[in-house]
């Protein structure tokens, strides 16, 4: 399950920031997860609850926001929400470039 590796990476990032800021406890870790990130949030939550045991993040909440898939037309420059199968701009027929929706990153960490 790759969600376990993701959970471990999230915890590593949070603990590193906690050390840098001399925090005693991590309260919340908020993620940005794009539609195409491939992350199963239920599996991630389960893995996260396992990896935080015995750490300063033991009681931390893991929250996330889904980032919609968006694209920009190479020809007309318009940006819009798209579906994974949208290769052509509905306005001018130009090729679409994905500009959002692949994110998988820590957005913020609440610490004390």
PDB file of N, CA and C in Angstrom:
ATOM      1  N   UNK A   1       0.851  -1.168   0.000  1.00  0.00           N
ATOM      2  CA  UNK A   1       0.000   0.000   0.000  1.00  0.00           C
ATOM      3  C   UNK A   1       0.897   1.231   0.000  1.00  0.00           C
ATOM      4  N   UNK A   2       0.844   2.042  -1.044  1.00  0.00           N
ATOM      5  CA  UNK A   2       1.716   3.211  -1.108  1.00  0.00           C
ATOM      6  C   UNK A   2       1.268   4.318  -0.169  1.00  0.00           C
ATOM      7  N   UNK A   3       0.056   4.239   0.365  1.00  0.00           N
ATOM      8  CA  UNK A   3      -0.399   5.229   1.331  1.00  0.00           C
ATOM      9  C   UNK A   3       0.430   5.181   2.614  1.00  0.00           C
ATOM     10  N   UNK A   4       0.964   4.000   2.975  1.00  0.00           N
ATOM     11  CA  UNK A   4       1.819   3.900   4.163  1.00  0.00           C
ATOM     12  C   UNK A   4       3.090   4.716   3.948  1.00  0.00           C
ATOM     13  N   UNK A   5       3.693   4.611   2.782  1.00  0.00           N
ATOM     14  CA  UNK A   5       4.895   5.401   2.481  1.00  0.00           C
ATOM     15  C   UNK A   5       4.561   6.892   2.464  1.00  0.00           C
ATOM     16  N   UNK A   6       3.412   7.250   1.965  1.00  0.00           N
ATOM     17  CA  UNK A   6       2.991   8.659   1.951  1.00  0.00           C
ATOM     18  C   UNK A   6       2.810   9.153   3.380  1.00  0.00           C
ATOM     19  N   UNK A   7       2.145   8.353   4.220  1.00  0.00           N
ATOM     20  CA  UNK A   7       1.933   8.725   5.624  1.00  0.00           C
ATOM     21  C   UNK A   7       3.266   8.918   6.341  1.00  0.00           C
ATOM     22  N   UNK A   8       4.218   8.043   6.084  1.00  0.00           N
ATOM     23  CA  UNK A   8       5.543   8.170   6.699  1.00  0.00           C
ATOM     24  C   UNK A   8       6.234   9.453   6.237  1.00  0.00           C
ATOM     25  N   UNK A   9       6.103   9.769   4.963  1.00  0.00           N
ATOM     26  CA  UNK A   9       6.687  11.003   4.436  1.00  0.00           C
ATOM     27  C   UNK A   9       6.052  12.244   5.045  1.00  0.00           C
ATOM     28  N   UNK A  10       4.734  12.223   5.204  1.00  0.00           N
ATOM     29  CA  UNK A  10       4.024  13.349   5.819  1.00  0.00           C
ATOM     30  C   UNK A  10       4.511  13.541   7.248  1.00  0.00           C
ATOM     31  N   UNK A  11       4.623  12.443   7.996  1.00  0.00           N
ATOM     32  CA  UNK A  11       5.098  12.527   9.373  1.00  0.00           C
ATOM     33  C   UNK A  11       6.526  13.057   9.425  1.00  0.00           C
ATOM     34  N   UNK A  12       7.382  12.602   8.531  1.00  0.00           N
ATOM     35  CA  UNK A  12       8.771  13.091   8.483  1.00  0.00           C
ATOM     36  C   UNK A  12       8.810  14.603   8.264  1.00  0.00           C
ATOM     37  N   UNK A  13       8.009  15.085   7.342  1.00  0.00           N
ATOM     38  CA  UNK A  13       7.948  16.524   7.065  1.00  0.00           C
ATOM     39  C   UNK A  13       7.489  17.279   8.305  1.00  0.00           C
ATOM     40  N   UNK A  14       6.426  16.801   8.935  1.00  0.00           N
ATOM     41  CA  UNK A  14       5.872  17.478  10.110  1.00  0.00           C
ATOM     42  C   UNK A  14       6.861  17.476  11.268  1.00  0.00           C
ATOM     43  N   UNK A  15       7.520  16.348  11.508  1.00  0.00           N
ATOM     44  CA  UNK A  15       8.483  16.280  12.609  1.00  0.00           C
ATOM     45  C   UNK A  15       9.690  17.173  12.347  1.00  0.00           C
ATOM     46  N   UNK A  16      10.114  17.256  11.118  1.00  0.00           N
ATOM     47  CA  UNK A  16      11.229  18.126  10.766  1.00  0.00           C
ATOM     48  C   UNK A  16      10.885  19.590  11.050  1.00  0.00           C
ATOM     49  N   UNK A  17       9.683  20.003  10.658  1.00  0.00           N
ATOM     50  CA  UNK A  17       9.247  21.377  10.928  1.00  0.00           C
ATOM     51  C   UNK A  17       9.086  21.606  12.429  1.00  0.00           C
ATOM     52  N   UNK A  18       8.598  20.611  13.146  1.00  0.00           N
ATOM     53  CA  UNK A  18       8.432  20.736  14.593  1.00  0.00           C
ATOM     54  C   UNK A  18       9.795  20.930  15.263  1.00  0.00           C
ATOM     55  N   UNK A  19      10.795  20.177  14.836  1.00  0.00           N
ATOM     56  CA  UNK A  19      12.150  20.338  15.397  1.00  0.00           C
ATOM     57  C   UNK A  19      12.696  21.733  15.094  1.00  0.00           C
ATOM     58  N   UNK A  20      12.525  22.171  13.861  1.00  0.00           N
ATOM     59  CA  UNK A  20      13.014  23.492  13.456  1.00  0.00           C
ATOM     60  C   UNK A  20      12.406  24.606  14.310  1.00  0.00           C
ATOM     61  N   UNK A  21      11.132  24.457  14.650  1.00  0.00           N
ATOM     62  CA  UNK A  21      10.412  25.499  15.397  1.00  0.00           C
ATOM     63  C   UNK A  21      10.281  25.165  16.886  1.00  0.00           C
ATOM     64  N   UNK A  22      11.007  24.132  17.320  1.00  0.00           N
ATOM     65  CA  UNK A  22      11.018  23.708  18.717  1.00  0.00           C
ATOM     66  C   UNK A  22       9.622  23.470  19.279  1.00  0.00           C
ATOM     67  N   UNK A  23       8.765  22.867  18.483  1.00  0.00           N
ATOM     68  CA  UNK A  23       7.404  22.544  18.913  1.00  0.00           C
ATOM     69  C   UNK A  23       7.410  21.266  19.745  1.00  0.00           C
ATOM     70  N   UNK A  24       6.500  21.205  20.679  1.00  0.00           N
ATOM     71  CA  UNK A  24       6.373  20.033  21.548  1.00  0.00           C
ATOM     72  C   UNK A  24       5.307  19.066  21.064  1.00  0.00           C
ATOM     73  N   UNK A  25       4.386  19.586  20.262  1.00  0.00           N
ATOM     74  CA  UNK A  25       3.263  18.757  19.826  1.00  0.00           C
ATOM     75  C   UNK A  25       2.781  19.221  18.456  1.00  0.00           C
ATOM     76  N   UNK A  26       2.410  18.265  17.638  1.00  0.00           N
ATOM     77  CA  UNK A  26       1.806  18.557  16.331  1.00  0.00           C
ATOM     78  C   UNK A  26       0.311  18.319  16.468  1.00  0.00           C
ATOM     79  N   UNK A  27      -0.468  19.350  16.157  1.00  0.00           N
ATOM     80  CA  UNK A  27      -1.923  19.294  16.335  1.00  0.00           C
ATOM     81  C   UNK A  27      -2.672  18.878  15.068  1.00  0.00           C
ATOM     82  N   UNK A  28      -2.228  19.410  13.926  1.00  0.00           N
ATOM     83  CA  UNK A  28      -2.938  19.163  12.664  1.00  0.00           C
ATOM     84  C   UNK A  28      -1.962  19.248  11.510  1.00  0.00           C
ATOM     85  N   UNK A  29      -2.194  18.388  10.542  1.00  0.00           N
ATOM     86  CA  UNK A  29      -1.444  18.436   9.288  1.00  0.00           C
ATOM     87  C   UNK A  29      -2.487  18.481   8.175  1.00  0.00           C
ATOM     88  N   UNK A  30      -2.410  19.530   7.371  1.00  0.00           N
ATOM     89  CA  UNK A  30      -3.389  19.709   6.298  1.00  0.00           C
ATOM     90  C   UNK A  30      -2.699  19.517   4.952  1.00  0.00           C
ATOM     91  N   UNK A  31      -3.322  18.733   4.102  1.00  0.00           N
ATOM     92  CA  UNK A  31      -2.758  18.388   2.794  1.00  0.00           C
ATOM     93  C   UNK A  31      -3.567  18.989   1.655  1.00  0.00           C
ATOM     94  N   UNK A  32      -2.906  19.170   0.526  1.00  0.00           N
ATOM     95  CA  UNK A  32      -3.572  19.465  -0.737  1.00  0.00           C
ATOM     96  C   UNK A  32      -3.396  18.221  -1.602  1.00  0.00           C
ATOM     97  N   UNK A  33      -4.505  17.625  -2.006  1.00  0.00           N
ATOM     98  CA  UNK A  33      -4.479  16.397  -2.799  1.00  0.00           C
ATOM     99  C   UNK A  33      -5.223  16.619  -4.104  1.00  0.00           C
ATOM    100  N   UNK A  34      -4.506  16.578  -5.201  1.00  0.00           N
ATOM    101  CA  UNK A  34      -5.122  16.751  -6.508  1.00  0.00           C
ATOM    102  C   UNK A  34      -5.953  15.548  -6.909  1.00  0.00           C
ATOM    103  N   UNK A  35      -6.921  15.800  -7.779  1.00  0.00           N
ATOM    104  CA  UNK A  35      -7.788  14.720  -8.284  1.00  0.00           C
ATOM    105  C   UNK A  35      -6.981  13.577  -8.882  1.00  0.00           C
ATOM    106  N   UNK A  36      -5.850  13.892  -9.501  1.00  0.00           N
ATOM    107  CA  UNK A  36      -5.033  12.862 -10.142  1.00  0.00           C
ATOM    108  C   UNK A  36      -3.878  12.365  -9.259  1.00  0.00           C
ATOM    109  N   UNK A  37      -3.888  12.717  -7.978  1.00  0.00           N
ATOM    110  CA  UNK A  37      -2.783  12.317  -7.112  1.00  0.00           C
ATOM    111  C   UNK A  37      -2.760  10.807  -6.858  1.00  0.00           C
ATOM    112  N   UNK A  38      -3.907  10.167  -6.986  1.00  0.00           N
ATOM    113  CA  UNK A  38      -3.972   8.727  -6.777  1.00  0.00           C
ATOM    114  C   UNK A  38      -4.002   8.322  -5.315  1.00  0.00           C
ATOM    115  N   UNK A  39      -4.218   9.271  -4.415  1.00  0.00           N
ATOM    116  CA  UNK A  39      -4.226   8.972  -2.988  1.00  0.00           C
ATOM    117  C   UNK A  39      -5.620   8.541  -2.555  1.00  0.00           C
ATOM    118  N   UNK A  40      -5.681   7.380  -1.915  1.00  0.00           N
ATOM    119  CA  UNK A  40      -6.915   6.890  -1.292  1.00  0.00           C
ATOM    120  C   UNK A  40      -6.951   7.452   0.113  1.00  0.00           C
ATOM    121  N   UNK A  41      -7.834   8.409   0.368  1.00  0.00           N
ATOM    122  CA  UNK A  41      -7.819   9.109   1.654  1.00  0.00           C
ATOM    123  C   UNK A  41      -8.165   8.191   2.829  1.00  0.00           C
ATOM    124  N   UNK A  42      -9.015   7.228   2.628  1.00  0.00           N
ATOM    125  CA  UNK A  42      -9.354   6.303   3.707  1.00  0.00           C
ATOM    126  C   UNK A  42      -8.128   5.475   4.100  1.00  0.00           C
ATOM    127  N   UNK A  43      -7.410   4.965   3.109  1.00  0.00           N
ATOM    128  CA  UNK A  43      -6.196   4.190   3.375  1.00  0.00           C
ATOM    129  C   UNK A  43      -5.114   5.076   3.972  1.00  0.00           C
ATOM    130  N   UNK A  44      -5.022   6.319   3.509  1.00  0.00           N
ATOM    131  CA  UNK A  44      -4.032   7.246   4.059  1.00  0.00           C
ATOM    132  C   UNK A  44      -4.318   7.538   5.527  1.00  0.00           C
ATOM    133  N   UNK A  45      -5.581   7.760   5.856  1.00  0.00           N
ATOM    134  CA  UNK A  45      -5.948   8.017   7.255  1.00  0.00           C
ATOM    135  C   UNK A  45      -5.583   6.844   8.150  1.00  0.00           C
ATOM    136  N   UNK A  46      -5.846   5.652   7.676  1.00  0.00           N
ATOM    137  CA  UNK A  46      -5.526   4.444   8.445  1.00  0.00           C
ATOM    138  C   UNK A  46      -4.006   4.323   8.633  1.00  0.00           C
ATOM    139  N   UNK A  47      -3.263   4.509   7.569  1.00  0.00           N
ATOM    140  CA  UNK A  47      -1.801   4.426   7.649  1.00  0.00           C
ATOM    141  C   UNK A  47      -1.244   5.518   8.558  1.00  0.00           C
ATOM    142  N   UNK A  48      -1.786   6.719   8.453  1.00  0.00           N
ATOM    143  CA  UNK A  48      -1.317   7.839   9.270  1.00  0.00           C
ATOM    144  C   UNK A  48      -1.546   7.556  10.751  1.00  0.00           C
ATOM    145  N   UNK A  49      -2.716   7.026  11.083  1.00  0.00           N
ATOM    146  CA  UNK A  49      -3.000   6.729  12.496  1.00  0.00           C
ATOM    147  C   UNK A  49      -2.037   5.683  13.038  1.00  0.00           C
ATOM    148  N   UNK A  50      -1.508   4.853  12.183  1.00  0.00           N
ATOM    149  CA  UNK A  50      -0.541   3.838  12.594  1.00  0.00           C
ATOM    150  C   UNK A  50       0.853   4.440  12.798  1.00  0.00           C
ATOM    151  N   UNK A  51       1.296   5.287  11.888  1.00  0.00           N
ATOM    152  CA  UNK A  51       2.675   5.806  11.962  1.00  0.00           C
ATOM    153  C   UNK A  51       2.872   6.880  13.024  1.00  0.00           C
ATOM    154  N   UNK A  52       1.793   7.529  13.480  1.00  0.00           N
ATOM    155  CA  UNK A  52       1.957   8.606  14.464  1.00  0.00           C
ATOM    156  C   UNK A  52       2.034   8.096  15.901  1.00  0.00           C
ATOM    157  N   UNK A  53       1.760   6.826  16.131  1.00  0.00           N
ATOM    158  CA  UNK A  53       1.803   6.288  17.495  1.00  0.00           C
ATOM    159  C   UNK A  53       3.184   6.488  18.111  1.00  0.00           C
ATOM    160  N   UNK A  54       3.179   7.035  19.315  1.00  0.00           N
ATOM    161  CA  UNK A  54       4.424   7.229  20.036  1.00  0.00           C
ATOM    162  C   UNK A  54       5.260   8.413  19.580  1.00  0.00           C
ATOM    163  N   UNK A  55       4.706   9.286  18.750  1.00  0.00           N
ATOM    164  CA  UNK A  55       5.430  10.463  18.254  1.00  0.00           C
ATOM    165  C   UNK A  55       4.778  11.731  18.805  1.00  0.00           C
ATOM    166  N   UNK A  56       5.390  12.873  18.540  1.00  0.00           N
ATOM    167  CA  UNK A  56       4.781  14.138  18.978  1.00  0.00           C
ATOM    168  C   UNK A  56       3.532  14.479  18.168  1.00  0.00           C
ATOM    169  N   UNK A  57       3.249  13.678  17.178  1.00  0.00           N
ATOM    170  CA  UNK A  57       2.044  13.869  16.355  1.00  0.00           C
ATOM    171  C   UNK A  57       0.962  12.846  16.707  1.00  0.00           C
ATOM    172  N   UNK A  58       1.131  12.173  17.842  1.00  0.00           N
ATOM    173  CA  UNK A  58       0.242  11.061  18.191  1.00  0.00           C
ATOM    174  C   UNK A  58      -1.247  11.425  18.166  1.00  0.00           C
ATOM    175  N   UNK A  59      -1.578  12.646  18.519  1.00  0.00           N
ATOM    176  CA  UNK A  59      -2.983  13.062  18.532  1.00  0.00           C
ATOM    177  C   UNK A  59      -3.321  14.023  17.401  1.00  0.00           C
ATOM    178  N   UNK A  60      -2.467  14.106  16.425  1.00  0.00           N
ATOM    179  CA  UNK A  60      -2.661  15.058  15.326  1.00  0.00           C
ATOM    180  C   UNK A  60      -3.808  14.638  14.418  1.00  0.00           C
ATOM    181  N   UNK A  61      -4.517  15.632  13.954  1.00  0.00           N
ATOM    182  CA  UNK A  61      -5.569  15.412  12.961  1.00  0.00           C
ATOM    183  C   UNK A  61      -4.942  15.543  11.577  1.00  0.00           C
ATOM    184  N   UNK A  62      -5.317  14.650  10.687  1.00  0.00           N
ATOM    185  CA  UNK A  62      -4.895  14.732   9.291  1.00  0.00           C
ATOM    186  C   UNK A  62      -6.097  15.184   8.485  1.00  0.00           C
ATOM    187  N   UNK A  63      -5.983  16.348   7.870  1.00  0.00           N
ATOM    188  CA  UNK A  63      -7.074  16.882   7.056  1.00  0.00           C
ATOM    189  C   UNK A  63      -6.555  17.147   5.654  1.00  0.00           C
ATOM    190  N   UNK A  64      -7.466  17.275   4.713  1.00  0.00           N
ATOM    191  CA  UNK A  64      -7.051  17.521   3.334  1.00  0.00           C
ATOM    192  C   UNK A  64      -8.122  18.261   2.573  1.00  0.00           C
ATOM    193  N   UNK A  65      -7.658  18.815   1.470  1.00  0.00           N
ATOM    194  CA  UNK A  65      -8.524  19.506   0.523  1.00  0.00           C
ATOM    195  C   UNK A  65      -8.223  18.926  -0.847  1.00  0.00           C
ATOM    196  N   UNK A  66      -9.262  18.564  -1.575  1.00  0.00           N
ATOM    197  CA  UNK A  66      -9.090  18.044  -2.932  1.00  0.00           C
ATOM    198  C   UNK A  66      -8.945  19.204  -3.904  1.00  0.00           C
ATOM    199  N   UNK A  67      -7.940  19.128  -4.754  1.00  0.00           N
ATOM    200  CA  UNK A  67      -7.677  20.153  -5.753  1.00  0.00           C
ATOM    201  C   UNK A  67      -8.209  19.639  -7.090  1.00  0.00           C
ATOM    202  N   UNK A  68      -9.121  20.386  -7.712  1.00  0.00           N
ATOM    203  CA  UNK A  68      -9.693  19.919  -8.972  1.00  0.00           C
ATOM    204  C   UNK A  68      -8.676  19.904 -10.106  1.00  0.00           C
ATOM    205  N   UNK A  69      -8.925  19.067 -11.069  1.00  0.00           N
ATOM    206  CA  UNK A  69      -8.097  18.990 -12.259  1.00  0.00           C
ATOM    207  C   UNK A  69      -8.402  20.205 -13.129  1.00  0.00           C
ATOM    208  N   UNK A  70      -7.356  20.983 -13.432  1.00  0.00           N
ATOM    209  CA  UNK A  70      -7.532  22.172 -14.263  1.00  0.00           C
ATOM    210  C   UNK A  70      -6.513  22.162 -15.390  1.00  0.00           C
ATOM    211  N   UNK A  71      -6.898  22.817 -16.470  1.00  0.00           N
ATOM    212  CA  UNK A  71      -6.017  22.869 -17.631  1.00  0.00           C
ATOM    213  C   UNK A  71      -6.000  24.243 -18.266  1.00  0.00           C
ATOM    214  N   UNK A  72      -4.977  24.457 -19.095  1.00  0.00           N
ATOM    215  CA  UNK A  72      -4.837  25.709 -19.849  1.00  0.00           C
ATOM    216  C   UNK A  72      -4.658  25.348 -21.318  1.00  0.00           C
ATOM    217  N   UNK A  73      -5.364  26.057 -22.174  1.00  0.00           N
ATOM    218  CA  UNK A  73      -5.264  25.833 -23.605  1.00  0.00           C
ATOM    219  C   UNK A  73      -3.973  26.448 -24.137  1.00  0.00           C
ATOM    220  N   UNK A  74      -3.256  25.672 -24.944  1.00  0.00           N
ATOM    221  CA  UNK A  74      -2.012  26.166 -25.543  1.00  0.00           C
ATOM    222  C   UNK A  74      -2.279  27.279 -26.564  1.00  0.00           C
ATOM    223  N   UNK A  75      -3.464  27.270 -27.164  1.00  0.00           N
ATOM    224  CA  UNK A  75      -3.753  28.246 -28.214  1.00  0.00           C
ATOM    225  C   UNK A  75      -4.419  29.521 -27.697  1.00  0.00           C
ATOM    226  N   UNK A  76      -5.545  29.381 -27.007  1.00  0.00           N
ATOM    227  CA  UNK A  76      -6.279  30.579 -26.575  1.00  0.00           C
ATOM    228  C   UNK A  76      -5.924  31.012 -25.150  1.00  0.00           C
ATOM    229  N   UNK A  77      -5.239  30.158 -24.398  1.00  0.00           N
ATOM    230  CA  UNK A  77      -4.791  30.522 -23.053  1.00  0.00           C
ATOM    231  C   UNK A  77      -5.838  30.422 -21.964  1.00  0.00           C
ATOM    232  N   UNK A  78      -7.056  30.015 -22.319  1.00  0.00           N
ATOM    233  CA  UNK A  78      -8.097  29.915 -21.300  1.00  0.00           C
ATOM    234  C   UNK A  78      -7.783  28.794 -20.316  1.00  0.00           C
ATOM    235  N   UNK A  79      -8.101  29.039 -19.049  1.00  0.00           N
ATOM    236  CA  UNK A  79      -7.934  28.034 -17.997  1.00  0.00           C
ATOM    237  C   UNK A  79      -9.310  27.615 -17.519  1.00  0.00           C
ATOM    238  N   UNK A  80      -9.441  26.312 -17.238  1.00  0.00           N
ATOM    239  CA  UNK A  80     -10.734  25.800 -16.800  1.00  0.00           C
ATOM    240  C   UNK A  80     -10.574  24.461 -16.125  1.00  0.00           C
ATOM    241  N   UNK A  81     -11.606  24.073 -15.421  1.00  0.00           N
ATOM    242  CA  UNK A  81     -11.652  22.735 -14.841  1.00  0.00           C
ATOM    243  C   UNK A  81     -11.876  21.755 -15.986  1.00  0.00           C
ATOM    244  N   UNK A  82     -11.150  20.642 -15.948  1.00  0.00           N
ATOM    245  CA  UNK A  82     -11.264  19.656 -17.026  1.00  0.00           C
ATOM    246  C   UNK A  82     -11.433  18.262 -16.441  1.00  0.00           C
ATOM    247  N   UNK A  83     -11.743  17.323 -17.320  1.00  0.00           N
ATOM    248  CA  UNK A  83     -11.777  15.900 -16.976  1.00  0.00           C
ATOM    249  C   UNK A  83     -10.476  15.288 -17.487  1.00  0.00           C
ATOM    250  N   UNK A  84     -10.058  14.159 -16.925  1.00  0.00           N
ATOM    251  CA  UNK A  84      -8.814  13.544 -17.392  1.00  0.00           C
ATOM    252  C   UNK A  84      -8.776  13.278 -18.902  1.00  0.00           C
ATOM    253  N   UNK A  85      -9.926  13.084 -19.518  1.00  0.00           N
ATOM    254  CA  UNK A  85      -9.971  12.772 -20.950  1.00  0.00           C
ATOM    255  C   UNK A  85     -10.046  14.016 -21.837  1.00  0.00           C
ATOM    256  N   UNK A  86     -10.046  15.211 -21.242  1.00  0.00           N
ATOM    257  CA  UNK A  86     -10.148  16.447 -22.027  1.00  0.00           C
ATOM    258  C   UNK A  86      -8.783  16.851 -22.563  1.00  0.00           C
ATOM    259  N   UNK A  87      -8.529  16.527 -23.809  1.00  0.00           N
ATOM    260  CA  UNK A  87      -7.258  16.873 -24.437  1.00  0.00           C
ATOM    261  C   UNK A  87      -7.369  18.126 -25.286  1.00  0.00           C
ATOM    262  N   UNK A  88      -8.585  18.451 -25.708  1.00  0.00           N
ATOM    263  CA  UNK A  88      -8.792  19.601 -26.584  1.00  0.00           C
ATOM    264  C   UNK A  88      -9.663  20.641 -25.906  1.00  0.00           C
ATOM    265  N   UNK A  89      -9.326  21.890 -26.139  1.00  0.00           N
ATOM    266  CA  UNK A  89     -10.071  23.015 -25.576  1.00  0.00           C
ATOM    267  C   UNK A  89     -11.482  23.050 -26.179  1.00  0.00           C
ATOM    268  N   UNK A  90     -12.509  23.131 -25.346  1.00  0.00           N
ATOM    269  CA  UNK A  90     -13.873  23.214 -25.885  1.00  0.00           C
ATOM    270  C   UNK A  90     -14.166  24.551 -26.562  1.00  0.00           C
ATOM    271  N   UNK A  91     -13.335  25.563 -26.322  1.00  0.00           N
ATOM    272  CA  UNK A  91     -13.560  26.877 -26.930  1.00  0.00           C
ATOM    273  C   UNK A  91     -12.942  27.004 -28.319  1.00  0.00           C
ATOM    274  N   UNK A  92     -11.677  26.545 -28.473  1.00  0.00           N
ATOM    275  CA  UNK A  92     -10.998  26.772 -29.748  1.00  0.00           C
ATOM    276  C   UNK A  92     -10.441  25.491 -30.385  1.00  0.00           C
ATOM    277  N   UNK A  93     -10.476  24.381 -29.672  1.00  0.00           N
ATOM    278  CA  UNK A  93      -9.970  23.121 -30.217  1.00  0.00           C
ATOM    279  C   UNK A  93      -8.476  22.920 -30.022  1.00  0.00           C
ATOM    280  N   UNK A  94      -7.800  23.870 -29.348  1.00  0.00           N
ATOM    281  CA  UNK A  94      -6.364  23.745 -29.090  1.00  0.00           C
ATOM    282  C   UNK A  94      -6.076  22.678 -28.034  1.00  0.00           C
ATOM    283  N   UNK A  95      -4.829  22.303 -27.917  1.00  0.00           N
ATOM    284  CA  UNK A  95      -4.424  21.298 -26.941  1.00  0.00           C
ATOM    285  C   UNK A  95      -4.435  21.843 -25.520  1.00  0.00           C
ATOM    286  N   UNK A  96      -4.876  21.015 -24.580  1.00  0.00           N
ATOM    287  CA  UNK A  96      -4.939  21.407 -23.175  1.00  0.00           C
ATOM    288  C   UNK A  96      -3.729  20.884 -22.417  1.00  0.00           C
ATOM    289  N   UNK A  97      -3.181  21.724 -21.550  1.00  0.00           N
ATOM    290  CA  UNK A  97      -2.073  21.369 -20.668  1.00  0.00           C
ATOM    291  C   UNK A  97      -2.623  21.310 -19.238  1.00  0.00           C
ATOM    292  N   UNK A  98      -2.314  20.258 -18.506  1.00  0.00           N
ATOM    293  CA  UNK A  98      -2.750  20.157 -17.110  1.00  0.00           C
ATOM    294  C   UNK A  98      -1.912  21.110 -16.269  1.00  0.00           C
ATOM    295  N   UNK A  99      -2.589  21.986 -15.513  1.00  0.00           N
ATOM    296  CA  UNK A  99      -1.881  22.942 -14.664  1.00  0.00           C
ATOM    297  C   UNK A  99      -2.218  22.756 -13.185  1.00  0.00           C
ATOM    298  N   UNK A 100      -3.155  21.922 -12.880  1.00  0.00           N
ATOM    299  CA  UNK A 100      -3.521  21.679 -11.484  1.00  0.00           C
ATOM    300  C   UNK A 100      -4.253  20.364 -11.355  1.00  0.00           C
ATOM    301  N   UNK A 101      -4.168  19.782 -10.172  1.00  0.00           N
ATOM    302  CA  UNK A 101      -4.889  18.542  -9.929  1.00  0.00           C
ATOM    303  C   UNK A 101      -3.986  17.342  -9.726  1.00  0.00           C
ATOM    304  N   UNK A 102      -2.669  17.551  -9.762  1.00  0.00           N
ATOM    305  CA  UNK A 102      -1.718  16.458  -9.495  1.00  0.00           C
ATOM    306  C   UNK A 102      -1.040  16.633  -8.134  1.00  0.00           C
ATOM    307  N   UNK A 103      -1.406  17.697  -7.421  1.00  0.00           N
ATOM    308  CA  UNK A 103      -0.745  18.029  -6.170  1.00  0.00           C
ATOM    309  C   UNK A 103      -0.865  16.905  -5.130  1.00  0.00           C
ATOM    310  N   UNK A 104       0.179  16.800  -4.342  1.00  0.00           N
ATOM    311  CA  UNK A 104       0.174  15.954  -3.160  1.00  0.00           C
ATOM    312  C   UNK A 104       1.213  16.576  -2.238  1.00  0.00           C
ATOM    313  N   UNK A 105       0.764  17.514  -1.414  1.00  0.00           N
ATOM    314  CA  UNK A 105       1.728  18.228  -0.580  1.00  0.00           C
ATOM    315  C   UNK A 105       1.110  18.661   0.746  1.00  0.00           C
ATOM    316  N   UNK A 106       1.988  18.880   1.710  1.00  0.00           N
ATOM    317  CA  UNK A 106       1.591  19.404   3.000  1.00  0.00           C
ATOM    318  C   UNK A 106       1.346  20.904   2.806  1.00  0.00           C
ATOM    319  N   UNK A 107       0.139  21.341   3.127  1.00  0.00           N
ATOM    320  CA  UNK A 107      -0.224  22.743   2.979  1.00  0.00           C
ATOM    321  C   UNK A 107       0.154  23.527   4.233  1.00  0.00           C
ATOM    322  N   UNK A 108      -0.195  23.004   5.405  1.00  0.00           N
ATOM    323  CA  UNK A 108       0.213  23.648   6.645  1.00  0.00           C
ATOM    324  C   UNK A 108       0.226  22.648   7.786  1.00  0.00           C
ATOM    325  N   UNK A 109       0.951  23.023   8.846  1.00  0.00           N
ATOM    326  CA  UNK A 109       1.084  22.196  10.035  1.00  0.00           C
ATOM    327  C   UNK A 109       0.799  23.094  11.233  1.00  0.00           C
ATOM    328  N   UNK A 110      -0.109  22.656  12.100  1.00  0.00           N
ATOM    329  CA  UNK A 110      -0.374  23.367  13.341  1.00  0.00           C
ATOM    330  C   UNK A 110       0.395  22.683  14.451  1.00  0.00           C
ATOM    331  N   UNK A 111       1.210  23.463  15.178  1.00  0.00           N
ATOM    332  CA  UNK A 111       2.074  22.905  16.223  1.00  0.00           C
ATOM    333  C   UNK A 111       2.011  23.775  17.464  1.00  0.00           C
ATOM    334  N   UNK A 112       2.384  23.186  18.580  1.00  0.00           N
ATOM    335  CA  UNK A 112       2.524  23.943  19.835  1.00  0.00           C
ATOM    336  C   UNK A 112       3.890  23.653  20.413  1.00  0.00           C
TER     337      UNK A 112
END
